[in-house]
Protein backbone atom coordinates (compact mmCIF):
# COMPACT_ATOMS: atom_id res chain seq x y z
CA MET A 1 0.34 0.23 0.16
CA SER A 2 1.24 3.85 -0.87
CA PHE A 3 1.62 6.25 1.56
CA LYS A 4 -1.53 7.52 -1.18
CA ASP A 5 -4.29 5.40 -0.23
CA PHE A 6 -3.69 6.28 3.41
CA ASN A 7 -6.00 10.19 1.73
CA ASP A 8 -8.14 7.47 1.10
CA PHE A 9 -8.60 6.33 4.25
CA PRO A 10 -11.82 5.75 5.31
CA PHE A 11 -12.68 6.96 8.84
CA GLY A 12 -16.07 7.62 11.35
CA TRP A 13 -16.81 9.34 14.03
CA ALA A 14 -14.34 8.61 16.54
CA ASP A 15 -11.32 9.95 14.02
CA HIS A 16 -11.75 13.80 15.55
CA GLU A 17 -8.53 14.37 13.71
CA ASP A 18 -9.06 13.68 10.24
CA ILE A 19 -12.45 15.42 10.48
CA ALA A 20 -10.61 18.18 11.66
CA ILE A 21 -8.36 17.99 8.44
CA ALA A 22 -10.25 16.99 5.98
CA LEU A 23 -12.64 20.50 7.13
CA TYR A 24 -10.18 22.53 6.82
CA ASP A 25 -8.41 20.97 3.09
CA LYS A 26 -12.17 22.41 2.21
CA PHE A 27 -12.14 25.21 4.23
CA GLY A 28 -9.01 26.28 4.79
CA ASP A 29 -8.57 29.76 6.69
CA ASP A 30 -12.54 31.27 6.09
CA PHE A 31 -12.93 29.72 9.62
CA GLY A 32 -10.83 30.85 12.26
CA GLN A 33 -11.01 29.85 15.60
CA ASP A 34 -13.81 32.41 16.54
CA LYS A 35 -15.11 31.50 13.43
CA ILE A 36 -15.56 27.47 14.20
CA TYR A 37 -17.42 27.11 18.00
CA ARG A 38 -20.32 29.86 16.35
CA ILE A 39 -20.85 27.05 13.22
CA ARG A 40 -24.68 25.56 14.85
CA PHE A 41 -23.77 21.64 15.13
CA THR A 42 -26.05 20.88 11.86
CA ASP A 43 -23.97 22.53 9.90
CA LEU A 44 -20.94 20.86 11.73
CA LEU A 45 -23.15 17.88 10.93
CA ASP A 46 -23.19 18.23 7.04
CA TRP A 47 -20.08 19.32 6.06
CA ILE A 48 -19.00 16.13 7.99
CA LEU A 49 -21.88 13.08 5.75
CA GLU A 50 -20.55 15.29 2.64
CA ILE A 51 -16.15 14.26 3.49
CA PRO A 52 -16.05 12.02 0.23
CA GLN A 53 -13.45 9.12 3.08
CA PHE A 54 -16.49 9.59 6.24
CA THR A 55 -18.12 6.35 7.18
CA GLY A 56 -20.74 7.66 9.60
CA THR A 57 -23.75 8.32 10.32
CA ARG A 58 -26.00 10.91 11.19
CA GLU A 59 -27.33 9.02 13.93
CA GLN A 60 -24.27 7.78 15.28
CA SER A 61 -23.35 11.31 15.95
CA THR A 62 -23.31 12.87 19.41
CA GLU A 63 -23.07 15.63 20.52
CA GLU A 64 -19.77 15.14 22.14
CA HIS A 65 -17.27 14.06 18.43
CA LEU A 66 -18.88 17.32 17.70
CA GLU A 67 -17.31 19.05 19.98
CA GLN A 68 -13.80 16.62 20.19
CA ILE A 69 -13.91 17.49 16.62
CA GLN A 70 -14.55 21.93 16.58
CA ALA A 71 -11.41 22.34 18.81
CA LYS A 72 -9.61 19.36 16.68
CA TRP A 73 -10.12 21.52 14.20
CA VAL A 74 -9.11 24.98 15.66
CA TYR A 75 -5.67 23.07 16.94
CA GLU A 76 -5.14 22.36 12.90
CA TRP A 77 -6.70 26.29 11.78
CA ARG A 78 -3.12 27.14 13.88
CA GLU A 79 -0.77 24.77 13.50
CA ASN A 80 -1.37 25.98 10.23
CA GLN A 81 -1.47 30.09 10.72
């Protein structure tokens, strides 16, 4: 398996960091820390479900998952500043 294959590796709700990286890749610097923490969970959930490698379902989501994803997304944003 080549390293490129890992980019298409499926991930689910427990993979908070992978989801955050995918969101950062999608939105880049359009969302800073303040804006990330003001995103409605309904919007965040829809964006996550649109990630091609994401295998989770809406029914499997929890508020804790969404909070962790927000925190990891902020961390990813800070790392790229």
